[in-house]
Amino acid sequence: MNIAWMAWTPVTAGFFIFIVLMLISMTIWQIISPSIARQGFLPLVTTRGDRLFISLLGSAYIHLAWLGLTELAVWIATMISVLFLVAVMRWG
């Protein structure tokens, strides 16, 4: 298998490892304590898994927009994404 097209840097590997660990953690949490669907500020009823998925998608769009529209450091977009994730998971 040729994966030379992917820029496997320590940061890239850390990103994917973090995503996998987050998914494993959410799976274990769901098994131990099943989530209850609820409606927050999002215009639909969601579970924890739904909110995680929305947060991950939103974070990807935040980073893409940041890279496309600014010349500022990408860590600022990461901090915005973390705040977005916390807000969606808590109040979404």
N, C-alpha and C. Protein backbone atom coordinates (compact mmCIF):
# COMPACT_ATOMS: atom_id res chain seq x y z
N MET A 1 0.85 -1.18 0.00
CA MET A 1 0.00 0.00 0.00
C MET A 1 0.90 1.24 0.00
N ASN A 2 0.69 2.11 -0.95
CA ASN A 2 1.49 3.32 -1.07
C ASN A 2 0.74 4.49 -0.42
N ILE A 3 1.24 4.96 0.71
CA ILE A 3 0.61 6.10 1.39
C ILE A 3 1.51 7.32 1.37
N ALA A 4 2.41 7.35 0.39
CA ALA A 4 3.35 8.47 0.30
C ALA A 4 2.65 9.80 0.01
N TRP A 5 1.43 9.76 -0.52
CA TRP A 5 0.69 10.99 -0.84
C TRP A 5 0.30 11.73 0.43
N MET A 6 0.25 11.04 1.56
CA MET A 6 -0.15 11.67 2.82
C MET A 6 1.07 12.19 3.55
N ALA A 7 0.99 13.41 4.02
CA ALA A 7 2.10 14.01 4.76
C ALA A 7 2.05 13.56 6.21
N TRP A 8 2.61 12.40 6.50
CA TRP A 8 2.57 11.84 7.84
C TRP A 8 3.63 12.47 8.72
N THR A 9 3.26 13.58 9.30
CA THR A 9 4.13 14.25 10.26
C THR A 9 3.65 13.87 11.65
N PRO A 10 4.43 14.14 12.68
CA PRO A 10 3.96 13.86 14.04
C PRO A 10 2.65 14.59 14.37
N VAL A 11 2.47 15.79 13.85
CA VAL A 11 1.22 16.54 14.10
C VAL A 11 0.04 15.84 13.44
N THR A 12 0.22 15.38 12.20
CA THR A 12 -0.84 14.67 11.49
C THR A 12 -1.20 13.38 12.21
N ALA A 13 -0.19 12.63 12.59
CA ALA A 13 -0.44 11.38 13.32
C ALA A 13 -1.14 11.66 14.65
N GLY A 14 -0.71 12.70 15.36
CA GLY A 14 -1.35 13.06 16.63
C GLY A 14 -2.81 13.43 16.44
N PHE A 15 -3.11 14.13 15.35
CA PHE A 15 -4.49 14.51 15.05
C PHE A 15 -5.36 13.26 14.89
N PHE A 16 -4.92 12.32 14.07
CA PHE A 16 -5.73 11.13 13.84
C PHE A 16 -5.81 10.25 15.07
N ILE A 17 -4.74 10.18 15.84
CA ILE A 17 -4.78 9.42 17.09
C ILE A 17 -5.78 10.05 18.05
N PHE A 18 -5.80 11.38 18.13
CA PHE A 18 -6.75 12.07 19.00
C PHE A 18 -8.19 11.78 18.58
N ILE A 19 -8.47 11.80 17.28
CA ILE A 19 -9.82 11.52 16.79
C ILE A 19 -10.22 10.09 17.15
N VAL A 20 -9.33 9.14 16.95
CA VAL A 20 -9.63 7.73 17.28
C VAL A 20 -9.87 7.59 18.78
N LEU A 21 -9.04 8.20 19.60
CA LEU A 21 -9.23 8.12 21.05
C LEU A 21 -10.55 8.76 21.49
N MET A 22 -10.92 9.86 20.84
CA MET A 22 -12.18 10.52 21.16
C MET A 22 -13.37 9.61 20.80
N LEU A 23 -13.29 8.96 19.66
CA LEU A 23 -14.37 8.04 19.26
C LEU A 23 -14.45 6.83 20.19
N ILE A 24 -13.31 6.29 20.58
CA ILE A 24 -13.31 5.17 21.52
C ILE A 24 -13.88 5.60 22.87
N SER A 25 -13.49 6.77 23.34
CA SER A 25 -14.01 7.29 24.61
C SER A 25 -15.51 7.48 24.57
N MET A 26 -16.00 8.05 23.47
CA MET A 26 -17.44 8.27 23.34
C MET A 26 -18.19 6.94 23.28
N THR A 27 -17.61 5.93 22.65
CA THR A 27 -18.24 4.61 22.58
C THR A 27 -18.34 4.00 23.98
N ILE A 28 -17.26 4.07 24.72
CA ILE A 28 -17.28 3.52 26.09
C ILE A 28 -18.27 4.29 26.95
N TRP A 29 -18.28 5.61 26.83
CA TRP A 29 -19.22 6.44 27.59
C TRP A 29 -20.66 6.07 27.25
N GLN A 30 -20.94 5.83 25.97
CA GLN A 30 -22.29 5.47 25.54
C GLN A 30 -22.69 4.11 26.11
N ILE A 31 -21.76 3.17 26.17
CA ILE A 31 -22.05 1.84 26.72
C ILE A 31 -22.32 1.94 28.22
N ILE A 32 -21.50 2.71 28.92
CA ILE A 32 -21.65 2.84 30.38
C ILE A 32 -22.89 3.66 30.74
N SER A 33 -23.10 4.76 30.04
CA SER A 33 -24.20 5.67 30.35
C SER A 33 -24.86 6.12 29.04
N PRO A 34 -25.89 5.39 28.58
CA PRO A 34 -26.53 5.77 27.32
C PRO A 34 -27.04 7.22 27.35
N SER A 35 -26.82 7.90 26.24
CA SER A 35 -27.22 9.31 26.18
C SER A 35 -28.71 9.44 25.94
N ILE A 36 -29.23 10.58 26.33
CA ILE A 36 -30.63 10.91 26.14
C ILE A 36 -30.70 12.00 25.09
N ALA A 37 -31.53 11.79 24.09
CA ALA A 37 -31.68 12.80 23.04
C ALA A 37 -32.29 14.06 23.65
N ARG A 38 -31.74 15.22 23.28
CA ARG A 38 -32.25 16.48 23.79
C ARG A 38 -32.05 17.56 22.74
N GLN A 39 -32.70 18.67 22.96
CA GLN A 39 -32.55 19.80 22.06
C GLN A 39 -31.99 20.98 22.82
N GLY A 40 -30.88 21.50 22.33
CA GLY A 40 -30.26 22.69 22.90
C GLY A 40 -30.43 23.83 21.92
N PHE A 41 -29.34 24.57 21.67
CA PHE A 41 -29.44 25.69 20.73
C PHE A 41 -29.42 25.22 19.28
N LEU A 42 -29.02 23.97 19.03
CA LEU A 42 -29.08 23.44 17.66
C LEU A 42 -30.54 23.21 17.30
N PRO A 43 -30.89 23.41 16.03
CA PRO A 43 -32.31 23.30 15.65
C PRO A 43 -32.79 21.86 15.44
N LEU A 44 -32.20 20.90 16.13
CA LEU A 44 -32.63 19.52 16.03
C LEU A 44 -32.33 18.79 17.33
N VAL A 45 -32.99 17.68 17.53
CA VAL A 45 -32.77 16.87 18.72
C VAL A 45 -31.52 16.03 18.47
N THR A 46 -30.57 16.05 19.42
CA THR A 46 -29.31 15.36 19.23
C THR A 46 -28.92 14.53 20.45
N THR A 47 -28.06 13.55 20.21
CA THR A 47 -27.43 12.78 21.28
C THR A 47 -25.98 13.24 21.38
N ARG A 48 -25.24 12.71 22.34
CA ARG A 48 -23.82 13.06 22.47
C ARG A 48 -23.04 12.77 21.20
N GLY A 49 -23.29 11.63 20.59
CA GLY A 49 -22.60 11.26 19.36
C GLY A 49 -22.90 12.22 18.22
N ASP A 50 -24.16 12.63 18.12
CA ASP A 50 -24.55 13.60 17.09
C ASP A 50 -23.80 14.92 17.29
N ARG A 51 -23.75 15.36 18.54
CA ARG A 51 -23.07 16.63 18.83
C ARG A 51 -21.57 16.54 18.58
N LEU A 52 -20.97 15.37 18.87
CA LEU A 52 -19.55 15.19 18.56
C LEU A 52 -19.32 15.27 17.05
N PHE A 53 -20.16 14.60 16.28
CA PHE A 53 -20.03 14.63 14.82
C PHE A 53 -20.18 16.05 14.28
N ILE A 54 -21.18 16.78 14.78
CA ILE A 54 -21.38 18.17 14.36
C ILE A 54 -20.17 19.02 14.74
N SER A 55 -19.62 18.78 15.92
CA SER A 55 -18.44 19.52 16.36
C SER A 55 -17.23 19.24 15.48
N LEU A 56 -17.02 17.99 15.12
CA LEU A 56 -15.89 17.64 14.26
C LEU A 56 -16.03 18.25 12.88
N LEU A 57 -17.23 18.19 12.33
CA LEU A 57 -17.47 18.81 11.02
C LEU A 57 -17.26 20.32 11.09
N GLY A 58 -17.82 20.94 12.12
CA GLY A 58 -17.68 22.38 12.28
C GLY A 58 -16.23 22.79 12.46
N SER A 59 -15.47 21.99 13.20
CA SER A 59 -14.05 22.29 13.40
C SER A 59 -13.28 22.19 12.08
N ALA A 60 -13.63 21.22 11.26
CA ALA A 60 -12.97 21.11 9.95
C ALA A 60 -13.26 22.34 9.11
N TYR A 61 -14.50 22.79 9.10
CA TYR A 61 -14.86 24.00 8.34
C TYR A 61 -14.19 25.25 8.90
N ILE A 62 -14.09 25.33 10.23
CA ILE A 62 -13.40 26.47 10.84
C ILE A 62 -11.94 26.51 10.38
N HIS A 63 -11.28 25.36 10.39
CA HIS A 63 -9.88 25.31 9.96
C HIS A 63 -9.73 25.62 8.47
N LEU A 64 -10.61 25.06 7.65
CA LEU A 64 -10.52 25.34 6.21
C LEU A 64 -10.74 26.82 5.92
N ALA A 65 -11.73 27.42 6.56
CA ALA A 65 -11.98 28.85 6.37
C ALA A 65 -10.79 29.67 6.87
N TRP A 66 -10.25 29.28 8.01
CA TRP A 66 -9.11 30.01 8.57
C TRP A 66 -7.92 29.97 7.63
N LEU A 67 -7.61 28.78 7.12
CA LEU A 67 -6.48 28.65 6.20
C LEU A 67 -6.71 29.38 4.89
N GLY A 68 -7.96 29.39 4.43
CA GLY A 68 -8.27 30.04 3.16
C GLY A 68 -8.41 31.54 3.23
N LEU A 69 -8.77 32.07 4.40
CA LEU A 69 -9.09 33.49 4.49
C LEU A 69 -8.09 34.33 5.27
N THR A 70 -7.20 33.70 6.03
CA THR A 70 -6.26 34.48 6.83
C THR A 70 -4.84 33.98 6.65
N GLU A 71 -3.91 34.77 7.07
CA GLU A 71 -2.49 34.39 7.10
C GLU A 71 -2.02 34.17 8.52
N LEU A 72 -2.95 34.21 9.47
CA LEU A 72 -2.60 34.08 10.89
C LEU A 72 -2.28 32.63 11.23
N ALA A 73 -1.71 32.44 12.40
CA ALA A 73 -1.30 31.10 12.84
C ALA A 73 -2.51 30.17 12.98
N VAL A 74 -2.31 28.92 12.60
CA VAL A 74 -3.41 27.95 12.61
C VAL A 74 -3.82 27.56 14.04
N TRP A 75 -2.95 27.78 15.03
CA TRP A 75 -3.32 27.41 16.40
C TRP A 75 -4.50 28.26 16.89
N ILE A 76 -4.68 29.44 16.33
CA ILE A 76 -5.83 30.27 16.70
C ILE A 76 -7.12 29.59 16.26
N ALA A 77 -7.12 29.03 15.05
CA ALA A 77 -8.28 28.28 14.57
C ALA A 77 -8.53 27.06 15.44
N THR A 78 -7.46 26.44 15.91
CA THR A 78 -7.61 25.27 16.79
C THR A 78 -8.28 25.67 18.10
N MET A 79 -7.89 26.81 18.66
CA MET A 79 -8.52 27.28 19.90
C MET A 79 -10.01 27.61 19.67
N ILE A 80 -10.31 28.23 18.55
CA ILE A 80 -11.71 28.51 18.21
C ILE A 80 -12.49 27.21 18.07
N SER A 81 -11.87 26.21 17.45
CA SER A 81 -12.53 24.91 17.27
C SER A 81 -12.78 24.21 18.60
N VAL A 82 -11.83 24.32 19.52
CA VAL A 82 -12.02 23.71 20.85
C VAL A 82 -13.18 24.39 21.57
N LEU A 83 -13.23 25.71 21.50
CA LEU A 83 -14.36 26.44 22.11
C LEU A 83 -15.68 26.04 21.46
N PHE A 84 -15.66 25.89 20.14
CA PHE A 84 -16.86 25.45 19.41
C PHE A 84 -17.29 24.06 19.87
N LEU A 85 -16.33 23.15 19.99
CA LEU A 85 -16.63 21.79 20.44
C LEU A 85 -17.24 21.80 21.84
N VAL A 86 -16.64 22.55 22.74
CA VAL A 86 -17.16 22.62 24.12
C VAL A 86 -18.58 23.18 24.13
N ALA A 87 -18.83 24.25 23.36
CA ALA A 87 -20.16 24.86 23.32
C ALA A 87 -21.21 23.91 22.76
N VAL A 88 -20.87 23.23 21.67
CA VAL A 88 -21.83 22.30 21.06
C VAL A 88 -22.08 21.10 21.97
N MET A 89 -21.02 20.56 22.56
CA MET A 89 -21.21 19.39 23.43
C MET A 89 -21.99 19.76 24.70
N ARG A 90 -21.78 20.96 25.21
CA ARG A 90 -22.44 21.33 26.46
C ARG A 90 -23.86 21.86 26.23
N TRP A 91 -24.02 22.78 25.28
CA TRP A 91 -25.31 23.46 25.12
C TRP A 91 -26.02 23.16 23.82
N GLY A 92 -25.38 22.40 22.93
CA GLY A 92 -25.98 22.11 21.62
C GLY A 92 -27.08 21.16 21.74
